Amino acid sequence: MHKKDFSPWLVQNGVRLELADIPTAPSDEGAASSAEYTSKIEHLTDKLNKLQSLLHASGSRGVLLVLQGMDTAGKDGAIRHIFSHVSPLGVRAEAFGAPSEEEKKHDFLWRVHQKIPRRGELVVFNRSHYEDVIVTRVRGWIKKSDWEKRYQHIQNFEAMLHDEGITVIKCYLHISKQEQKKRLQARMDDPAKQWKLQASDFEDRKQWGEFIEAYQDALIATSTEHAPWYIVPADSKPYRDLFVAELLVQTLDKLKLSLPEPSFDLKHIKLV
């Protein structure tokens, strides 16, 4: 399969961007039928399974995939579809909601550090430490000087992970306000999906512009060579999943992982 060039969606550190100017749907060139997307995703998930098994067996590196985005952007769906055919051995998903009373007593990275992948493990964050420079900012819980300091703390934290053998990939799932309205309405209309709704979903929608501005600033400030941010067009669910799956496969491929040698000499073993 031809390798995708992800540079157009890579956020450059310190370079201003306007999320409103970035498409939330694939271009005509990137668009495909659902059947074509499904075929491509199946091929990629098969390859992802093999690469993840190699990551687990090697035990030399870890991978952290961070998924962020507005409500209904598809964090749960992406995890479910991309990893549906991947062995659960060595894969873990972690969701971050509002901090507990115990977590509030510690620094904002304390609860996050405990969930970081071990070497040989692939971990997906459904929301992450970025909630503490997005939600806290929009809600007015911290001052500008505090969230700007946190950008640097996050950079240092992710640099340390990189130095310790953890590859960090960060995806902002970029949906339009119109698409979010459709998805929220679909949940409201489906009794089987109403449990997913929270009052905060509707409150956050009222502050759409403030959230987008907070995301813009966080992406620009914390996208680095060792922990890059990618903006994923997410109005199309199949395209979103294909994008993230291909990014993961290419990232794992670049690690050049190898199987460990057997722990004992097999030459003289005879099965009876």
C-alpha atoms as a PDB file:
ATOM      1  CA  MET A   1       0.000   0.000   0.000  1.00  0.00           C
ATOM      2  CA  HIS A   2       1.244   3.477  -0.916  1.00  0.00           C
ATOM      3  CA  LYS A   3       2.426   5.371   2.159  1.00  0.00           C
ATOM      4  CA  LYS A   4       0.394   8.441   3.045  1.00  0.00           C
ATOM      5  CA  ASP A   5       2.140  11.791   3.399  1.00  0.00           C
ATOM      6  CA  PHE A   6       0.935  13.162   6.734  1.00  0.00           C
ATOM      7  CA  SER A   7       2.871  16.439   6.568  1.00  0.00           C
ATOM      8  CA  PRO A   8      -0.169  18.523   5.468  1.00  0.00           C
ATOM      9  CA  TRP A   9      -1.893  17.622   8.754  1.00  0.00           C
ATOM     10  CA  LEU A  10       1.177  17.975  10.970  1.00  0.00           C
ATOM     11  CA  VAL A  11       1.052  20.943  13.346  1.00  0.00           C
ATOM     12  CA  GLN A  12       4.231  23.026  13.313  1.00  0.00           C
ATOM     13  CA  ASN A  13       5.400  24.205  16.713  1.00  0.00           C
ATOM     14  CA  GLY A  14       4.941  27.934  17.146  1.00  0.00           C
ATOM     15  CA  VAL A  15       3.344  28.406  13.706  1.00  0.00           C
ATOM     16  CA  ARG A  16      -0.087  30.009  13.888  1.00  0.00           C
ATOM     17  CA  LEU A  17      -3.028  28.008  12.581  1.00  0.00           C
ATOM     18  CA  GLU A  18      -6.762  28.565  12.359  1.00  0.00           C
ATOM     19  CA  LEU A  19      -8.765  25.375  12.847  1.00  0.00           C
ATOM     20  CA  ALA A  20     -11.703  27.049  11.125  1.00  0.00           C
ATOM     21  CA  ASP A  21      -9.646  27.136   7.918  1.00  0.00           C
ATOM     22  CA  ILE A  22      -8.731  23.431   8.030  1.00  0.00           C
ATOM     23  CA  PRO A  23     -11.150  20.977   6.348  1.00  0.00           C
ATOM     24  CA  THR A  24     -13.047  18.616   8.616  1.00  0.00           C
ATOM     25  CA  ALA A  25     -13.792  16.231   5.736  1.00  0.00           C
ATOM     26  CA  PRO A  26     -11.439  14.515   3.255  1.00  0.00           C
ATOM     27  CA  SER A  27     -10.686  16.298   0.014  1.00  0.00           C
ATOM     28  CA  ASP A  28     -12.084  14.913  -3.243  1.00  0.00           C
ATOM     29  CA  GLU A  29      -8.707  13.243  -3.770  1.00  0.00           C
ATOM     30  CA  GLY A  30      -8.892  11.529  -0.379  1.00  0.00           C
ATOM     31  CA  ALA A  31     -12.575  10.668  -0.551  1.00  0.00           C
ATOM     32  CA  ALA A  32     -13.642   7.080  -1.195  1.00  0.00           C
ATOM     33  CA  SER A  33     -16.676   4.845  -0.855  1.00  0.00           C
ATOM     34  CA  SER A  34     -17.452   3.152   2.453  1.00  0.00           C
ATOM     35  CA  ALA A  35     -16.519  -0.191   0.905  1.00  0.00           C
ATOM     36  CA  GLU A  36     -13.117   1.137  -0.187  1.00  0.00           C
ATOM     37  CA  TYR A  37     -12.472   2.582   3.258  1.00  0.00           C
ATOM     38  CA  THR A  38     -13.476  -0.701   4.900  1.00  0.00           C
ATOM     39  CA  SER A  39     -11.135  -2.697   2.651  1.00  0.00           C
ATOM     40  CA  LYS A  40      -8.215  -0.371   3.366  1.00  0.00           C
ATOM     41  CA  ILE A  41      -8.871  -0.360   7.113  1.00  0.00           C
ATOM     42  CA  GLU A  42      -9.030  -4.186   7.218  1.00  0.00           C
ATOM     43  CA  HIS A  43      -5.659  -4.370   5.481  1.00  0.00           C
ATOM     44  CA  LEU A  44      -4.162  -1.847   7.891  1.00  0.00           C
ATOM     45  CA  THR A  45      -5.597  -3.438  11.038  1.00  0.00           C
ATOM     46  CA  ASP A  46      -4.106  -6.761   9.984  1.00  0.00           C
ATOM     47  CA  LYS A  47      -0.719  -5.092   9.609  1.00  0.00           C
ATOM     48  CA  LEU A  48      -1.232  -3.185  12.870  1.00  0.00           C
ATOM     49  CA  ASN A  49      -1.902  -6.476  14.658  1.00  0.00           C
ATOM     50  CA  LYS A  50       1.398  -7.918  13.423  1.00  0.00           C
ATOM     51  CA  LEU A  51       3.355  -4.787  14.316  1.00  0.00           C
ATOM     52  CA  GLN A  52       1.761  -4.557  17.751  1.00  0.00           C
ATOM     53  CA  SER A  53       2.619  -8.219  18.400  1.00  0.00           C
ATOM     54  CA  LEU A  54       6.204  -7.418  17.450  1.00  0.00           C
ATOM     55  CA  LEU A  55       6.172  -4.390  19.780  1.00  0.00           C
ATOM     56  CA  HIS A  56       4.922  -6.599  22.614  1.00  0.00           C
ATOM     57  CA  ALA A  57       7.447  -9.357  21.940  1.00  0.00           C
ATOM     58  CA  SER A  58      10.418  -7.006  21.640  1.00  0.00           C
ATOM     59  CA  GLY A  59       9.678  -5.255  24.937  1.00  0.00           C
ATOM     60  CA  SER A  60      12.071  -2.483  23.937  1.00  0.00           C
ATOM     61  CA  ARG A  61       9.733   0.397  23.073  1.00  0.00           C
ATOM     62  CA  GLY A  62       6.302   1.664  24.037  1.00  0.00           C
ATOM     63  CA  VAL A  63       3.761   3.660  22.040  1.00  0.00           C
ATOM     64  CA  LEU A  64       1.281   6.236  23.329  1.00  0.00           C
ATOM     65  CA  LEU A  65      -1.555   7.390  21.065  1.00  0.00           C
ATOM     66  CA  VAL A  66      -3.383  10.475  22.353  1.00  0.00           C
ATOM     67  CA  LEU A  67      -6.881  11.193  20.991  1.00  0.00           C
ATOM     68  CA  GLN A  68      -8.435  14.587  21.693  1.00  0.00           C
ATOM     69  CA  GLY A  69     -11.376  16.414  20.193  1.00  0.00           C
ATOM     70  CA  MET A  70     -14.737  17.995  20.842  1.00  0.00           C
ATOM     71  CA  ASP A  71     -17.610  15.825  22.083  1.00  0.00           C
ATOM     72  CA  THR A  72     -18.757  13.289  19.429  1.00  0.00           C
ATOM     73  CA  ALA A  73     -15.489  13.700  17.473  1.00  0.00           C
ATOM     74  CA  GLY A  74     -15.150   9.910  17.575  1.00  0.00           C
ATOM     75  CA  LYS A  75     -12.544   9.012  20.173  1.00  0.00           C
ATOM     76  CA  ASP A  76     -14.472   5.926  21.324  1.00  0.00           C
ATOM     77  CA  GLY A  77     -15.394   4.928  17.780  1.00  0.00           C
ATOM     78  CA  ALA A  78     -11.835   5.226  16.496  1.00  0.00           C
ATOM     79  CA  ILE A  79     -10.516   3.022  19.297  1.00  0.00           C
ATOM     80  CA  ARG A  80     -13.255   0.435  18.754  1.00  0.00           C
ATOM     81  CA  HIS A  81     -12.823   0.193  14.986  1.00  0.00           C
ATOM     82  CA  ILE A  82      -9.047   0.474  14.678  1.00  0.00           C
ATOM     83  CA  PHE A  83      -8.300  -2.106  17.359  1.00  0.00           C
ATOM     84  CA  SER A  84     -11.182  -4.505  16.657  1.00  0.00           C
ATOM     85  CA  HIS A  85      -8.832  -7.057  15.058  1.00  0.00           C
ATOM     86  CA  VAL A  86      -5.765  -6.379  17.183  1.00  0.00           C
ATOM     87  CA  SER A  87      -4.715  -8.791  19.925  1.00  0.00           C
ATOM     88  CA  PRO A  88      -5.577  -7.301  23.338  1.00  0.00           C
ATOM     89  CA  LEU A  89      -2.225  -8.562  24.634  1.00  0.00           C
ATOM     90  CA  GLY A  90      -0.096  -5.484  25.143  1.00  0.00           C
ATOM     91  CA  VAL A  91      -2.848  -2.990  24.200  1.00  0.00           C
ATOM     92  CA  ARG A  92      -4.646  -0.787  26.706  1.00  0.00           C
ATOM     93  CA  ALA A  93      -7.141   2.096  26.429  1.00  0.00           C
ATOM     94  CA  GLU A  94      -7.364   4.711  29.164  1.00  0.00           C
ATOM     95  CA  ALA A  95     -10.122   7.325  29.483  1.00  0.00           C
ATOM     96  CA  PHE A  96      -9.673  10.543  31.435  1.00  0.00           C
ATOM     97  CA  GLY A  97     -12.723  12.225  32.905  1.00  0.00           C
ATOM     98  CA  ALA A  98     -12.982  14.792  35.665  1.00  0.00           C
ATOM     99  CA  PRO A  99     -10.228  14.237  38.270  1.00  0.00           C
ATOM    100  CA  SER A 100     -11.142  12.539  41.536  1.00  0.00           C
ATOM    101  CA  GLU A 101     -10.659  14.234  44.894  1.00  0.00           C
ATOM    102  CA  GLU A 102      -7.441  12.265  45.369  1.00  0.00           C
ATOM    103  CA  GLU A 103      -6.148  13.276  41.937  1.00  0.00           C
ATOM    104  CA  LYS A 104      -6.904  16.939  42.619  1.00  0.00           C
ATOM    105  CA  LYS A 105      -4.470  16.806  45.541  1.00  0.00           C
ATOM    106  CA  HIS A 106      -1.571  16.093  43.193  1.00  0.00           C
ATOM    107  CA  ASP A 107       0.015  17.870  40.247  1.00  0.00           C
ATOM    108  CA  PHE A 108      -2.010  17.685  37.025  1.00  0.00           C
ATOM    109  CA  LEU A 109       0.306  15.104  35.451  1.00  0.00           C
ATOM    110  CA  TRP A 110       0.269  12.724  38.422  1.00  0.00           C
ATOM    111  CA  ARG A 111      -2.746  10.679  37.302  1.00  0.00           C
ATOM    112  CA  VAL A 112      -1.493  10.635  33.717  1.00  0.00           C
ATOM    113  CA  HIS A 113       1.985   9.337  34.490  1.00  0.00           C
ATOM    114  CA  GLN A 114       0.504   6.238  36.106  1.00  0.00           C
ATOM    115  CA  LYS A 115      -1.194   5.269  32.824  1.00  0.00           C
ATOM    116  CA  ILE A 116       1.821   5.646  30.518  1.00  0.00           C
ATOM    117  CA  PRO A 117       2.687   2.514  28.472  1.00  0.00           C
ATOM    118  CA  ARG A 118       5.315   0.103  29.646  1.00  0.00           C
ATOM    119  CA  ARG A 119       7.912  -0.968  27.103  1.00  0.00           C
ATOM    120  CA  GLY A 120       6.217  -3.514  24.869  1.00  0.00           C
ATOM    121  CA  GLU A 121       2.825  -1.879  25.305  1.00  0.00           C
ATOM    122  CA  LEU A 122       0.592   0.300  23.109  1.00  0.00           C
ATOM    123  CA  VAL A 123      -1.694   2.593  25.090  1.00  0.00           C
ATOM    124  CA  VAL A 124      -4.469   4.824  23.747  1.00  0.00           C
ATOM    125  CA  PHE A 125      -5.564   7.870  25.726  1.00  0.00           C
ATOM    126  CA  ASN A 126      -9.231   8.793  25.245  1.00  0.00           C
ATOM    127  CA  ARG A 127      -8.753  12.404  26.363  1.00  0.00           C
ATOM    128  CA  SER A 128      -5.567  13.061  28.283  1.00  0.00           C
ATOM    129  CA  HIS A 129      -3.408  15.576  30.140  1.00  0.00           C
ATOM    130  CA  TYR A 130      -4.542  18.103  27.524  1.00  0.00           C
ATOM    131  CA  GLU A 131      -7.872  18.386  29.334  1.00  0.00           C
ATOM    132  CA  ASP A 132      -5.893  20.386  31.906  1.00  0.00           C
ATOM    133  CA  VAL A 133      -5.044  23.117  29.408  1.00  0.00           C
ATOM    134  CA  ILE A 134      -8.338  22.968  27.486  1.00  0.00           C
ATOM    135  CA  VAL A 135     -11.290  22.423  29.828  1.00  0.00           C
ATOM    136  CA  THR A 136      -9.661  24.180  32.781  1.00  0.00           C
ATOM    137  CA  ARG A 137      -8.957  27.202  30.563  1.00  0.00           C
ATOM    138  CA  VAL A 138     -12.433  27.445  29.024  1.00  0.00           C
ATOM    139  CA  ARG A 139     -14.123  26.948  32.388  1.00  0.00           C
ATOM    140  CA  GLY A 140     -11.977  29.695  33.886  1.00  0.00           C
ATOM    141  CA  TRP A 141     -10.484  27.397  36.537  1.00  0.00           C
ATOM    142  CA  ILE A 142      -6.893  28.445  35.830  1.00  0.00           C
ATOM    143  CA  LYS A 143      -5.256  31.712  34.775  1.00  0.00           C
ATOM    144  CA  LYS A 144      -3.502  32.326  31.466  1.00  0.00           C
ATOM    145  CA  SER A 145      -0.109  32.297  33.190  1.00  0.00           C
ATOM    146  CA  ASP A 146      -0.929  28.840  34.596  1.00  0.00           C
ATOM    147  CA  TRP A 147      -1.999  27.218  31.328  1.00  0.00           C
ATOM    148  CA  GLU A 148       1.007  28.675  29.535  1.00  0.00           C
ATOM    149  CA  LYS A 149       3.294  27.159  32.200  1.00  0.00           C
ATOM    150  CA  ARG A 150       1.498  23.854  31.734  1.00  0.00           C
ATOM    151  CA  TYR A 151       2.360  23.864  28.027  1.00  0.00           C
ATOM    152  CA  GLN A 152       6.023  23.773  29.024  1.00  0.00           C
ATOM    153  CA  HIS A 153       5.412  21.114  31.682  1.00  0.00           C
ATOM    154  CA  ILE A 154       3.698  18.967  29.031  1.00  0.00           C
ATOM    155  CA  GLN A 155       6.565  19.460  26.588  1.00  0.00           C
ATOM    156  CA  ASN A 156       9.073  18.410  29.247  1.00  0.00           C
ATOM    157  CA  PHE A 157       6.936  15.416  30.242  1.00  0.00           C
ATOM    158  CA  GLU A 158       6.611  14.172  26.673  1.00  0.00           C
ATOM    159  CA  ALA A 159      10.317  14.765  26.002  1.00  0.00           C
ATOM    160  CA  MET A 160      11.119  12.566  29.002  1.00  0.00           C
ATOM    161  CA  LEU A 161       8.811   9.823  27.677  1.00  0.00           C
ATOM    162  CA  HIS A 162      10.573   9.992  24.305  1.00  0.00           C
ATOM    163  CA  ASP A 163      13.981   9.718  25.977  1.00  0.00           C
ATOM    164  CA  GLU A 164      12.752   6.657  27.899  1.00  0.00           C
ATOM    165  CA  GLY A 165      11.702   4.829  24.727  1.00  0.00           C
ATOM    166  CA  ILE A 166       8.025   5.824  24.537  1.00  0.00           C
ATOM    167  CA  THR A 167       6.871   7.073  21.124  1.00  0.00           C
ATOM    168  CA  VAL A 168       4.125   9.683  21.466  1.00  0.00           C
ATOM    169  CA  ILE A 169       1.586  10.359  18.683  1.00  0.00           C
ATOM    170  CA  LYS A 170      -1.182  12.914  19.201  1.00  0.00           C
ATOM    171  CA  CYS A 171      -4.326  13.221  17.076  1.00  0.00           C
ATOM    172  CA  TYR A 172      -6.830  16.047  17.240  1.00  0.00           C
ATOM    173  CA  LEU A 173     -10.082  14.699  15.767  1.00  0.00           C
ATOM    174  CA  HIS A 174     -11.362  17.711  13.848  1.00  0.00           C
ATOM    175  CA  ILE A 175     -15.135  17.883  13.340  1.00  0.00           C
ATOM    176  CA  SER A 176     -17.381  20.731  12.280  1.00  0.00           C
ATOM    177  CA  LYS A 177     -20.033  22.248  14.500  1.00  0.00           C
ATOM    178  CA  GLN A 178     -22.653  21.109  11.959  1.00  0.00           C
ATOM    179  CA  GLU A 179     -21.441  17.490  12.143  1.00  0.00           C
ATOM    180  CA  GLN A 180     -21.462  17.589  15.941  1.00  0.00           C
ATOM    181  CA  LYS A 181     -25.077  18.767  15.851  1.00  0.00           C
ATOM    182  CA  LYS A 182     -26.014  15.753  13.692  1.00  0.00           C
ATOM    183  CA  ARG A 183     -24.233  13.324  16.013  1.00  0.00           C
ATOM    184  CA  LEU A 184     -25.725  14.815  19.172  1.00  0.00           C
ATOM    185  CA  GLN A 185     -29.204  14.675  17.616  1.00  0.00           C
ATOM    186  CA  ALA A 186     -28.648  11.047  16.597  1.00  0.00           C
ATOM    187  CA  ARG A 187     -27.785  10.186  20.198  1.00  0.00           C
ATOM    188  CA  MET A 188     -30.831  12.034  21.488  1.00  0.00           C
ATOM    189  CA  ASP A 189     -33.063  10.129  19.053  1.00  0.00           C
ATOM    190  CA  ASP A 190     -31.630   6.678  19.819  1.00  0.00           C
ATOM    191  CA  PRO A 191     -32.548   5.270  23.276  1.00  0.00           C
ATOM    192  CA  ALA A 192     -29.597   2.874  23.011  1.00  0.00           C
ATOM    193  CA  LYS A 193     -27.182   5.815  22.748  1.00  0.00           C
ATOM    194  CA  GLN A 194     -28.752   8.313  25.144  1.00  0.00           C
ATOM    195  CA  TRP A 195     -26.579   7.057  27.984  1.00  0.00           C
ATOM    196  CA  LYS A 196     -23.578   8.610  26.227  1.00  0.00           C
ATOM    197  CA  LEU A 197     -25.007  12.116  26.603  1.00  0.00           C
ATOM    198  CA  GLN A 198     -23.949  14.392  29.411  1.00  0.00           C
ATOM    199  CA  ALA A 199     -25.194  17.847  30.323  1.00  0.00           C
ATOM    200  CA  SER A 200     -21.668  19.146  29.724  1.00  0.00           C
ATOM    201  CA  ASP A 201     -21.917  18.136  26.032  1.00  0.00           C
ATOM    202  CA  PHE A 202     -24.513  20.837  25.477  1.00  0.00           C
ATOM    203  CA  GLU A 203     -22.789  23.396  27.669  1.00  0.00           C
ATOM    204  CA  ASP A 204     -19.512  22.881  25.818  1.00  0.00           C
ATOM    205  CA  ARG A 205     -21.283  23.365  22.499  1.00  0.00           C
ATOM    206  CA  LYS A 206     -22.355  26.842  23.617  1.00  0.00           C
ATOM    207  CA  GLN A 207     -18.661  27.656  24.092  1.00  0.00           C
ATOM    208  CA  TRP A 208     -17.539  26.133  20.789  1.00  0.00           C
ATOM    209  CA  GLY A 209     -15.428  29.132  19.790  1.00  0.00           C
ATOM    210  CA  GLU A 210     -13.618  29.230  23.133  1.00  0.00           C
ATOM    211  CA  PHE A 211     -12.817  25.508  22.943  1.00  0.00           C
ATOM    212  CA  ILE A 212     -11.495  25.838  19.391  1.00  0.00           C
ATOM    213  CA  GLU A 213      -9.271  28.742  20.431  1.00  0.00           C
ATOM    214  CA  ALA A 214      -7.970  26.739  23.410  1.00  0.00           C
ATOM    215  CA  TYR A 215      -7.227  23.770  21.151  1.00  0.00           C
ATOM    216  CA  GLN A 216      -5.451  25.977  18.615  1.00  0.00           C
ATOM    217  CA  ASP A 217      -3.133  27.416  21.247  1.00  0.00           C
ATOM    218  CA  ALA A 218      -2.423  24.018  22.834  1.00  0.00           C
ATOM    219  CA  LEU A 219      -1.676  22.318  19.502  1.00  0.00           C
ATOM    220  CA  ILE A 220       0.717  25.062  18.425  1.00  0.00           C
ATOM    221  CA  ALA A 221       2.500  25.195  21.777  1.00  0.00           C
ATOM    222  CA  THR A 222       2.955  21.438  22.288  1.00  0.00           C
ATOM    223  CA  SER A 223       3.516  19.909  18.842  1.00  0.00           C
ATOM    224  CA  THR A 224       7.171  18.897  18.828  1.00  0.00           C
ATOM    225  CA  GLU A 225       9.429  16.615  16.828  1.00  0.00           C
ATOM    226  CA  HIS A 226       9.280  13.934  19.515  1.00  0.00           C
ATOM    227  CA  ALA A 227       5.534  14.339  20.244  1.00  0.00           C
ATOM    228  CA  PRO A 228       3.790  15.728  17.142  1.00  0.00           C
ATOM    229  CA  TRP A 229       0.159  16.741  16.779  1.00  0.00           C
ATOM    230  CA  TYR A 230      -1.823  15.736  13.687  1.00  0.00           C
ATOM    231  CA  ILE A 231      -5.167  17.297  12.742  1.00  0.00           C
ATOM    232  CA  VAL A 232      -7.446  14.470  11.595  1.00  0.00           C
ATOM    233  CA  PRO A 233     -10.466  15.358   9.406  1.00  0.00           C
ATOM    234  CA  ALA A 234     -13.173  13.567  11.390  1.00  0.00           C
ATOM    235  CA  ASP A 235     -16.548  14.408   9.834  1.00  0.00           C
ATOM    236  CA  SER A 236     -16.234  11.088   7.973  1.00  0.00           C
ATOM    237  CA  LYS A 237     -15.927   8.271  10.490  1.00  0.00           C
ATOM    238  CA  PRO A 238     -14.349   5.741   8.060  1.00  0.00           C
ATOM    239  CA  TYR A 239     -11.815   8.311   6.819  1.00  0.00           C
ATOM    240  CA  ARG A 240     -10.969   9.260  10.419  1.00  0.00           C
ATOM    241  CA  ASP A 241     -10.315   5.620  11.320  1.00  0.00           C
ATOM    242  CA  LEU A 242      -8.269   5.032   8.186  1.00  0.00           C
ATOM    243  CA  PHE A 243      -6.154   8.121   8.859  1.00  0.00           C
ATOM    244  CA  VAL A 244      -5.323   7.137  12.455  1.00  0.00           C
ATOM    245  CA  ALA A 245      -4.735   3.468  11.566  1.00  0.00           C
ATOM    246  CA  GLU A 246      -2.329   4.357   8.774  1.00  0.00           C
ATOM    247  CA  LEU A 247      -0.508   6.861  10.973  1.00  0.00           C
ATOM    248  CA  LEU A 248      -0.084   4.181  13.656  1.00  0.00           C
ATOM    249  CA  VAL A 249       1.157   1.586  11.176  1.00  0.00           C
ATOM    250  CA  GLN A 250       3.713   3.961   9.677  1.00  0.00           C
ATOM    251  CA  THR A 251       4.896   5.008  13.145  1.00  0.00           C
ATOM    252  CA  LEU A 252       5.359   1.406  14.293  1.00  0.00           C
ATOM    253  CA  ASP A 253       7.078   0.539  11.020  1.00  0.00           C
ATOM    254  CA  LYS A 254       9.644   3.288  11.570  1.00  0.00           C
ATOM    255  CA  LEU A 255      10.613   1.844  14.955  1.00  0.00           C
ATOM    256  CA  LYS A 256      12.353  -1.043  13.143  1.00  0.00           C
ATOM    257  CA  LEU A 257      11.447  -3.501  15.872  1.00  0.00           C
ATOM    258  CA  SER A 258      12.881  -6.997  15.924  1.00  0.00           C
ATOM    259  CA  LEU A 259      12.043 -10.217  17.724  1.00  0.00           C
ATOM    260  CA  PRO A 260      14.214 -11.072  20.725  1.00  0.00           C
ATOM    261  CA  GLU A 261      16.506 -14.077  20.615  1.00  0.00           C
ATOM    262  CA  PRO A 262      15.262 -17.211  22.431  1.00  0.00           C
ATOM    263  CA  SER A 263      16.263 -17.291  26.098  1.00  0.00           C
ATOM    264  CA  PHE A 264      17.879 -20.715  25.667  1.00  0.00           C
ATOM    265  CA  ASP A 265      19.530 -22.817  22.962  1.00  0.00           C
ATOM    266  CA  LEU A 266      16.946 -24.595  20.800  1.00  0.00           C
ATOM    267  CA  LYS A 267      19.419 -26.536  18.670  1.00  0.00           C
ATOM    268  CA  HIS A 268      19.586 -29.531  20.969  1.00  0.00           C
ATOM    269  CA  ILE A 269      15.907 -29.678  21.919  1.00  0.00           C
ATOM    270  CA  LYS A 270      14.151 -32.823  20.752  1.00  0.00           C
ATOM    271  CA  LEU A 271      10.404 -33.169  21.110  1.00  0.00           C
ATOM    272  CA  VAL A 272       9.273 -36.599  22.311  1.00  0.00           C
END
